[in-house]
Amino acid sequence: MAGIPTIGGALFFLCSLIGLVLSIRVEIIGTDGSLLSREGERIQIGKCISSEQNVTPTVKWYKNKVLLTSNKEDVMISEVVKKNQDTKLFRVESVLQYRPSRSDGGSQFHCEESYSTGYSLETQQSDDVHLHLVVPLERVKIEASPESTEVQEGDSISLTCTADCSPEAQFQWYKDDNELGHIGKVLHLKDISMEDAGVYTCTATDEDFNSHSDNITIKVFNRPVEEFVVRDGPNEEHFAEVEDPQKSISSQTGFITVLGILGMMVLIAFILVLMFYYSKNKQKKKALEKSEKEGELKRVEISSAD
């Protein structure tokens, strides 16, 4: 019957009235969620497709959750509004082009749409796009911890090599131009001796085989002997040396060892002397007993003769 709306027409009118979303959620196309770029090279982050609404949605771009605005140098945002001739609904296609700097490695981008339903402001957010940045190697630096490169025997020190590139560089260490065979950004030197003194060099190489180096000189000194003042009287004083604790302990240990050896030698000598006197006394006793027996035999013979 003319003038009576159909069920389909009524539903369409209701959906349009309340701004119900009739298409897929906002999304970024043209990427799988990850981008690789070089520093200073303008790239397209992606195209953001809004959902279809009965009013034109507003689309915004964010980097690390911070709103981006077009400046035609590092950030360029262009958008097109399209109308579906069948549903009479609108959608926005927004393209973000971006020129990354050295600090943009690992940044995350997303777009966001907002639209009015007539009763409230609704927003939708796309998934993130991760930017992996290739930054060429330009500078290498060695830092020491502790900071002083003048150390004493027995100390420890760590050398850390940093390189301003992405992905991270490969590191190789040298001492006095001789390869150490250590690969890694941190070199640990423990219980340092005089032989550890010298010039340490770190060479970093990026994925394009660009190499840069830095070096640092480690000086090693003998551990000093401490002194303190000894007062012998009101007006007399002199300095006494305090040995290094490690050396003092070593000396004491050696002295005790020598005393132990000497004591053992004295004990052995004493035992040998005792054994000598015991053997000698035993021989004298046997000789005396033999002499007494011979005397007894002689007396017996004399008595027989009489």
Protein backbone atom coordinates (compact mmCIF):
# COMPACT_ATOMS: atom_id res chain seq x y z
CA MET A 1 0.00 0.00 0.00
CA ALA A 2 1.45 3.37 -1.09
CA GLY A 3 2.74 5.62 1.69
CA ILE A 4 3.24 2.76 4.17
CA PRO A 5 6.95 2.14 4.85
CA THR A 6 8.25 -1.37 4.44
CA ILE A 7 9.96 -3.20 7.29
CA GLY A 8 13.34 -2.90 5.53
CA GLY A 9 12.88 0.82 5.00
CA ALA A 10 11.96 1.32 8.63
CA LEU A 11 15.01 -0.58 9.81
CA PHE A 12 17.28 1.44 7.52
CA PHE A 13 15.76 4.67 8.80
CA LEU A 14 16.26 3.58 12.42
CA CYS A 15 19.88 2.60 11.85
CA SER A 16 20.61 5.90 10.15
CA LEU A 17 18.90 7.81 12.93
CA ILE A 18 20.96 6.38 15.79
CA GLY A 19 24.23 6.23 13.78
CA LEU A 20 24.62 2.47 14.09
CA VAL A 21 27.86 1.20 12.54
CA LEU A 22 27.06 -0.81 9.43
CA SER A 23 30.62 -1.68 8.35
CA ILE A 24 33.78 -3.14 9.84
CA ARG A 25 35.70 -1.33 12.60
CA VAL A 26 38.37 1.27 11.85
CA GLU A 27 41.56 -0.35 10.51
CA ILE A 28 44.88 0.42 8.87
CA ILE A 29 45.47 -1.30 5.54
CA GLY A 30 48.65 -1.64 3.51
CA THR A 31 50.73 -3.08 6.35
CA ASP A 32 50.95 -6.28 8.39
CA GLY A 33 51.50 -4.33 11.60
CA SER A 34 55.25 -3.87 11.20
CA LEU A 35 57.29 -1.45 9.07
CA LEU A 36 61.02 -1.21 8.32
CA SER A 37 62.44 2.16 7.37
CA ARG A 38 65.70 4.08 7.25
CA GLU A 39 66.31 7.33 9.09
CA GLY A 40 65.17 10.37 7.07
CA GLU A 41 63.36 8.28 4.45
CA ARG A 42 59.67 9.25 4.07
CA ILE A 43 57.39 6.24 4.15
CA GLN A 44 53.67 5.56 4.19
CA ILE A 45 52.69 4.30 7.60
CA GLY A 46 49.35 3.10 6.26
CA LYS A 47 45.84 3.98 5.11
CA CYS A 48 43.21 4.28 7.83
CA ILE A 49 39.71 3.23 6.75
CA SER A 50 36.92 4.43 9.03
CA SER A 51 33.61 2.68 9.54
CA GLU A 52 30.58 3.88 7.56
CA GLN A 53 28.34 6.36 9.37
CA ASN A 54 25.40 8.55 8.55
CA VAL A 55 27.66 11.52 9.36
CA THR A 56 31.26 11.94 8.25
CA PRO A 57 33.62 10.43 10.88
CA THR A 58 36.67 12.34 12.11
CA VAL A 59 39.97 10.45 11.76
CA LYS A 60 43.14 11.26 13.73
CA TRP A 61 46.61 9.74 13.78
CA TYR A 62 48.79 9.09 16.85
CA LYS A 63 52.43 8.21 17.45
CA ASN A 64 53.11 6.61 20.81
CA LYS A 65 49.64 7.85 21.86
CA VAL A 66 50.54 11.48 21.02
CA LEU A 67 48.35 13.25 18.44
CA LEU A 68 50.05 13.94 15.09
CA THR A 69 49.33 17.05 13.01
CA SER A 70 50.35 17.53 9.40
CA ASN A 71 53.32 19.88 8.86
CA LYS A 72 54.17 18.89 5.25
CA GLU A 73 57.77 18.11 6.27
CA ASP A 74 57.94 15.15 8.62
CA VAL A 75 54.19 14.47 8.89
CA MET A 76 51.80 14.47 5.93
CA ILE A 77 48.15 13.46 6.40
CA SER A 78 45.75 13.34 3.47
CA GLU A 79 42.16 12.11 3.55
CA VAL A 80 39.26 11.43 1.24
CA VAL A 81 35.58 11.28 2.21
CA LYS A 82 33.55 8.68 0.31
CA LYS A 83 29.80 8.07 0.24
CA ASN A 84 28.23 4.67 -0.26
CA GLN A 85 25.58 5.20 -2.93
CA ASP A 86 23.59 2.20 -1.73
CA THR A 87 23.51 2.93 2.01
CA LYS A 88 24.06 6.71 1.75
CA LEU A 89 26.61 6.37 4.56
CA PHE A 90 29.99 8.08 4.74
CA ARG A 91 33.48 6.77 5.40
CA VAL A 92 36.91 8.42 5.56
CA GLU A 93 40.16 7.13 4.06
CA SER A 94 43.16 8.82 5.71
CA VAL A 95 46.79 8.25 4.64
CA LEU A 96 49.76 9.02 6.92
CA GLN A 97 53.21 9.62 5.45
CA TYR A 98 56.04 10.06 7.92
CA ARG A 99 59.77 10.85 7.81
CA PRO A 100 61.33 9.14 10.87
CA SER A 101 64.25 10.57 12.82
CA ARG A 102 66.92 8.73 14.81
CA SER A 103 64.73 8.67 17.93
CA ASP A 104 61.71 7.04 16.22
CA GLY A 105 62.96 3.46 16.36
CA GLY A 106 60.34 1.25 18.00
CA SER A 107 57.57 3.85 17.71
CA GLN A 108 53.93 2.74 17.50
CA PHE A 109 51.32 4.38 15.28
CA HIS A 110 47.55 4.04 15.27
CA CYS A 111 44.52 5.91 13.96
CA GLU A 112 41.30 6.75 15.72
CA GLU A 113 37.87 7.65 14.40
CA SER A 114 35.13 9.52 16.22
CA TYR A 115 31.52 10.15 15.24
CA SER A 116 28.28 11.33 16.79
CA THR A 117 25.32 9.02 17.23
CA GLY A 118 23.02 11.92 18.05
CA TYR A 119 23.17 10.95 21.71
CA SER A 120 26.92 10.53 22.39
CA LEU A 121 30.36 10.78 20.80
CA GLU A 122 31.70 7.35 19.91
CA THR A 123 35.35 6.49 19.20
CA GLN A 124 37.14 3.50 17.75
CA GLN A 125 40.86 2.80 17.62
CA SER A 126 42.85 0.72 15.14
CA ASP A 127 45.56 -1.78 15.96
CA ASP A 128 49.12 -0.48 16.31
CA VAL A 129 51.70 -0.35 13.54
CA HIS A 130 55.25 -0.84 14.82
CA LEU A 131 58.10 1.05 13.16
CA HIS A 132 61.50 -0.66 13.03
CA LEU A 133 64.12 1.91 12.09
CA VAL A 134 67.47 1.27 10.41
CA VAL A 135 69.93 3.89 11.69
CA PRO A 136 73.50 3.89 10.29
CA LEU A 137 76.43 3.86 12.70
CA GLU A 138 77.97 7.27 13.30
CA ARG A 139 79.53 7.30 16.76
CA VAL A 140 81.08 4.85 19.23
CA LYS A 141 81.90 5.61 22.86
CA ILE A 142 83.56 3.68 25.70
CA GLU A 143 82.57 4.40 29.30
CA ALA A 144 84.34 3.01 32.38
CA SER A 145 82.70 1.95 35.64
CA PRO A 146 84.04 3.11 38.06
CA GLU A 147 84.78 6.23 36.02
CA SER A 148 88.48 6.49 36.89
CA THR A 149 90.77 4.67 34.47
CA GLU A 150 93.67 4.80 36.95
CA VAL A 151 93.33 1.68 39.08
CA GLN A 152 95.37 -0.27 41.62
CA GLU A 153 96.41 -3.89 41.53
CA GLY A 154 93.57 -6.14 42.64
CA ASP A 155 90.82 -3.71 41.58
CA SER A 156 88.08 -4.44 39.03
CA ILE A 157 86.69 -2.25 36.25
CA SER A 158 84.03 -2.61 33.52
CA LEU A 159 84.25 -1.02 30.07
CA THR A 160 80.96 -0.46 28.21
CA CYS A 161 80.88 0.26 24.47
CA THR A 162 77.84 2.07 23.03
CA ALA A 163 76.97 2.72 19.39
CA ASP A 164 74.21 5.02 18.07
CA CYS A 165 72.79 2.70 15.44
CA SER A 166 69.79 0.44 14.96
CA PRO A 167 69.67 -2.54 14.87
CA GLU A 168 72.38 -2.90 17.50
CA ALA A 169 75.95 -3.17 16.25
CA GLN A 170 78.40 -6.04 16.68
CA PHE A 171 81.31 -5.26 19.05
CA GLN A 172 84.93 -6.43 19.06
CA TRP A 173 87.55 -5.56 21.70
CA TYR A 174 91.32 -5.06 21.35
CA LYS A 175 94.17 -4.40 23.80
CA ASP A 176 97.20 -2.61 22.42
CA ASP A 177 95.93 -3.48 18.89
CA ASN A 178 95.73 -7.20 19.75
CA GLU A 179 92.30 -8.86 19.40
CA LEU A 180 90.97 -10.07 22.74
CA GLY A 181 88.43 -12.50 21.30
CA HIS A 182 85.69 -10.89 23.41
CA ILE A 183 82.49 -10.10 21.50
CA GLY A 184 79.96 -7.97 23.37
CA LYS A 185 79.36 -4.41 24.47
CA VAL A 186 80.73 -4.88 28.03
CA LEU A 187 84.28 -5.94 28.90
CA HIS A 188 84.93 -6.88 32.55
CA LEU A 189 88.47 -6.67 33.97
CA LYS A 190 88.71 -8.38 37.39
CA ASP A 191 91.56 -8.65 39.92
CA ILE A 192 93.68 -6.33 37.77
CA SER A 193 97.46 -6.80 37.59
CA MET A 194 100.22 -4.69 36.05
CA GLU A 195 99.90 -6.73 32.84
CA ASP A 196 96.34 -5.39 32.33
CA ALA A 197 97.57 -1.82 31.77
CA GLY A 198 97.27 -0.59 28.20
CA VAL A 199 95.04 0.90 25.51
CA TYR A 200 91.66 -0.81 25.05
CA THR A 201 89.77 -0.31 21.78
CA CYS A 202 86.16 -1.15 20.93
CA THR A 203 85.19 -1.47 17.27
CA ALA A 204 81.45 -1.46 16.41
CA THR A 205 80.08 -2.65 13.06
CA ASP A 206 76.49 -2.12 11.87
CA GLU A 207 74.47 -4.30 9.49
CA ASP A 208 75.75 -2.32 6.49
CA PHE A 209 79.34 -3.10 7.61
CA ASN A 210 80.08 0.50 8.62
CA SER A 211 82.68 0.48 11.41
CA HIS A 212 83.75 3.04 13.99
CA SER A 213 86.03 2.74 17.03
CA ASP A 214 86.82 4.38 20.35
CA ASN A 215 89.65 3.68 22.80
CA ILE A 216 90.48 4.21 26.45
CA THR A 217 93.76 3.91 28.38
CA ILE A 218 93.88 1.90 31.61
CA LYS A 219 96.74 2.73 34.00
CA VAL A 220 97.60 0.28 36.80
CA PHE A 221 99.55 1.22 39.93
CA ASN A 222 100.98 -0.77 42.82
CA ARG A 223 98.77 -0.66 45.88
CA PRO A 224 100.34 2.03 48.14
CA VAL A 225 101.80 1.34 51.60
CA GLU A 226 99.93 3.28 54.26
CA GLU A 227 101.79 5.29 56.92
CA PHE A 228 100.82 6.45 60.39
CA VAL A 229 102.53 8.66 62.99
CA VAL A 230 104.07 7.07 66.09
CA ARG A 231 104.76 9.42 69.00
CA ASP A 232 107.68 8.39 71.27
CA GLY A 233 107.42 11.47 73.42
CA PRO A 234 105.98 14.97 73.54
CA ASN A 235 108.34 16.25 70.85
CA GLU A 236 109.35 13.09 69.03
CA GLU A 237 107.48 11.33 66.28
CA HIS A 238 108.29 9.14 63.33
CA PHE A 239 106.40 7.36 60.55
CA ALA A 240 105.69 3.65 60.55
CA GLU A 241 104.58 1.72 57.50
CA VAL A 242 101.39 -0.28 57.35
CA GLU A 243 101.67 -3.11 54.90
CA ASP A 244 98.96 -3.96 52.46
CA PRO A 245 96.51 -6.32 54.25
CA GLN A 246 96.81 -8.96 51.54
CA LYS A 247 100.60 -8.88 51.67
CA SER A 248 100.54 -8.89 55.47
CA ILE A 249 98.30 -11.95 55.52
CA SER A 250 100.55 -13.65 52.96
CA SER A 251 103.65 -12.87 55.04
CA GLN A 252 102.03 -14.15 58.21
CA THR A 253 101.00 -17.35 56.48
CA GLY A 254 104.52 -17.89 55.19
CA PHE A 255 106.04 -17.25 58.63
CA ILE A 256 103.68 -19.72 60.29
CA THR A 257 104.53 -22.31 57.65
CA VAL A 258 108.28 -21.88 58.27
CA LEU A 259 107.76 -22.18 62.03
CA GLY A 260 105.80 -25.38 61.50
CA ILE A 261 108.55 -26.90 59.38
CA LEU A 262 111.24 -25.93 61.90
CA GLY A 263 109.18 -27.38 64.76
CA MET A 264 108.74 -30.63 62.88
CA MET A 265 112.50 -30.84 62.21
CA VAL A 266 113.30 -30.27 65.91
CA LEU A 267 110.81 -32.97 66.93
CA ILE A 268 112.32 -35.47 64.49
CA ALA A 269 115.84 -34.66 65.72
CA PHE A 270 114.74 -35.13 69.34
CA ILE A 271 113.22 -38.52 68.53
CA LEU A 272 116.41 -39.61 66.72
CA VAL A 273 118.55 -38.58 69.72
CA LEU A 274 116.30 -40.55 72.08
CA MET A 275 116.51 -43.59 69.82
CA PHE A 276 120.33 -43.25 69.70
CA TYR A 277 120.68 -43.09 73.51
CA TYR A 278 118.22 -45.93 73.96
CA SER A 279 120.21 -48.15 71.56
CA LYS A 280 123.51 -47.21 73.19
CA ASN A 281 122.22 -47.94 76.70
CA LYS A 282 120.84 -51.26 75.51
CA GLN A 283 124.26 -52.24 74.10
CA LYS A 284 125.99 -51.24 77.39
CA LYS A 285 123.50 -53.32 79.36
CA LYS A 286 124.14 -56.36 77.16
CA ALA A 287 127.92 -55.94 77.51
CA LEU A 288 127.61 -55.67 81.31
CA GLU A 289 125.45 -58.79 81.50
CA LYS A 290 127.96 -60.68 79.34
CA SER A 291 130.84 -59.53 81.54
CA GLU A 292 129.02 -60.65 84.69
CA LYS A 293 128.32 -64.10 83.18
CA GLU A 294 131.99 -64.52 82.20
CA GLY A 295 133.08 -63.57 85.77
CA GLU A 296 130.65 -66.08 87.24
CA LEU A 297 132.04 -68.84 85.00
CA LYS A 298 135.61 -68.05 86.05
CA ARG A 299 134.69 -68.26 89.74
CA VAL A 300 133.01 -71.62 89.12
CA GLU A 301 136.14 -72.97 87.38
CA ILE A 302 138.44 -71.82 90.22
CA SER A 303 136.20 -73.47 92.77
CA SER A 304 136.31 -76.74 90.81
CA ALA A 305 140.10 -76.64 90.65
CA ASP A 306 140.43 -76.34 94.39
